[in-house]
Protein backbone atom coordinates (compact mmCIF):
# COMPACT_ATOMS: atom_id res chain seq x y z
CA MET A 1 -10.42 -5.11 -4.99
CA THR A 2 -7.51 -6.69 -6.80
CA THR A 3 -7.76 -9.31 -9.41
CA CYS A 4 -6.55 -11.86 -6.89
CA GLY A 5 -9.41 -11.06 -4.60
CA ARG A 6 -7.74 -8.78 -1.98
CA GLN A 7 -9.14 -5.55 -0.66
CA VAL A 8 -6.46 -2.94 -0.32
CA ALA A 9 -7.00 0.04 2.03
CA VAL A 10 -4.68 3.01 2.53
CA LYS A 11 -5.53 5.38 5.46
CA ARG A 12 -4.02 7.82 7.85
CA LEU A 13 -3.49 6.90 11.45
CA LEU A 14 -3.26 9.83 13.96
CA LEU A 15 -2.36 9.15 17.51
CA ALA A 16 -3.07 12.47 19.30
CA ILE A 17 -0.64 12.12 22.16
CA PRO A 18 -0.25 15.66 23.56
CA GLU A 19 3.54 15.45 24.05
CA ARG A 20 4.23 14.03 20.73
CA PRO A 21 1.56 13.40 18.08
CA ILE A 22 2.03 10.61 15.74
CA SER A 23 0.86 10.48 12.13
CA ARG A 24 1.27 7.39 9.99
CA VAL A 25 0.05 6.04 6.73
CA THR A 26 -1.50 2.55 7.14
CA LEU A 27 -1.69 -0.21 4.36
CA ASP A 28 -4.09 -2.92 4.94
CA VAL A 29 -4.09 -5.74 2.45
CA GLY A 30 -7.10 -7.81 3.47
CA PRO A 31 -7.55 -11.65 3.31
CA VAL A 32 -8.26 -13.37 0.01
CA VAL A 33 -11.72 -14.58 -0.48
CA ARG A 34 -10.47 -18.07 0.17
CA GLY A 35 -9.42 -16.99 3.64
CA GLU A 36 -5.73 -16.57 3.27
CA ALA A 37 -4.38 -14.22 5.93
CA GLY A 38 -3.99 -10.52 5.17
CA LEU A 39 -1.39 -8.06 6.27
CA TRP A 40 -1.15 -4.61 7.73
CA ALA A 41 1.74 -2.12 7.81
CA SER A 42 2.15 1.36 9.52
CA LEU A 43 4.49 3.52 7.57
CA THR A 44 6.07 6.94 8.37
CA VAL A 45 5.53 9.65 5.87
CA ASP A 46 8.93 9.14 4.29
CA GLU A 47 8.39 5.42 4.07
CA ALA A 48 4.96 5.99 2.39
CA ARG A 49 6.47 8.38 -0.09
CA ASP A 50 9.30 5.88 -0.80
CA LEU A 51 6.78 2.96 -1.39
CA ALA A 52 4.79 5.17 -3.71
CA ARG A 53 7.82 6.08 -5.78
CA ARG A 54 8.72 2.40 -5.98
CA LEU A 55 5.24 1.26 -7.01
CA LEU A 56 4.98 3.94 -9.67
CA ALA A 57 8.45 2.90 -11.10
CA GLN A 58 7.33 -0.72 -11.19
CA ALA A 59 3.97 0.18 -12.87
CA ALA A 60 5.81 2.15 -15.45
CA LEU A 61 8.09 -0.97 -16.12
CA ALA A 62 5.00 -3.21 -16.36
CA ASP A 63 3.41 -0.76 -18.85
CA THR A 64 6.52 -0.85 -21.00
CA VAL A 65 6.64 -4.68 -20.95
CA ALA A 66 2.78 -4.77 -21.61
CA SER A 67 3.09 -2.42 -24.55
CA THR A 68 5.93 -4.45 -26.34
CA ASP A 69 3.89 -7.64 -25.86
CA THR A 70 1.01 -6.42 -28.16
């Protein structure tokens, strides 16, 4: 649960189509307790890795800013 009240779920979606199996990473950001709509995304493996890199880079920047504020 995030501090703004959203539940974030990251899962794997596997569609076992015999001719071409499809595997995706899903990101489900649930609605806020107040009822605001949530969102859902299906990412390829490469898209999920790119998103993870960008999230980690932003977290590192946030850490840097937070450590200079104290």
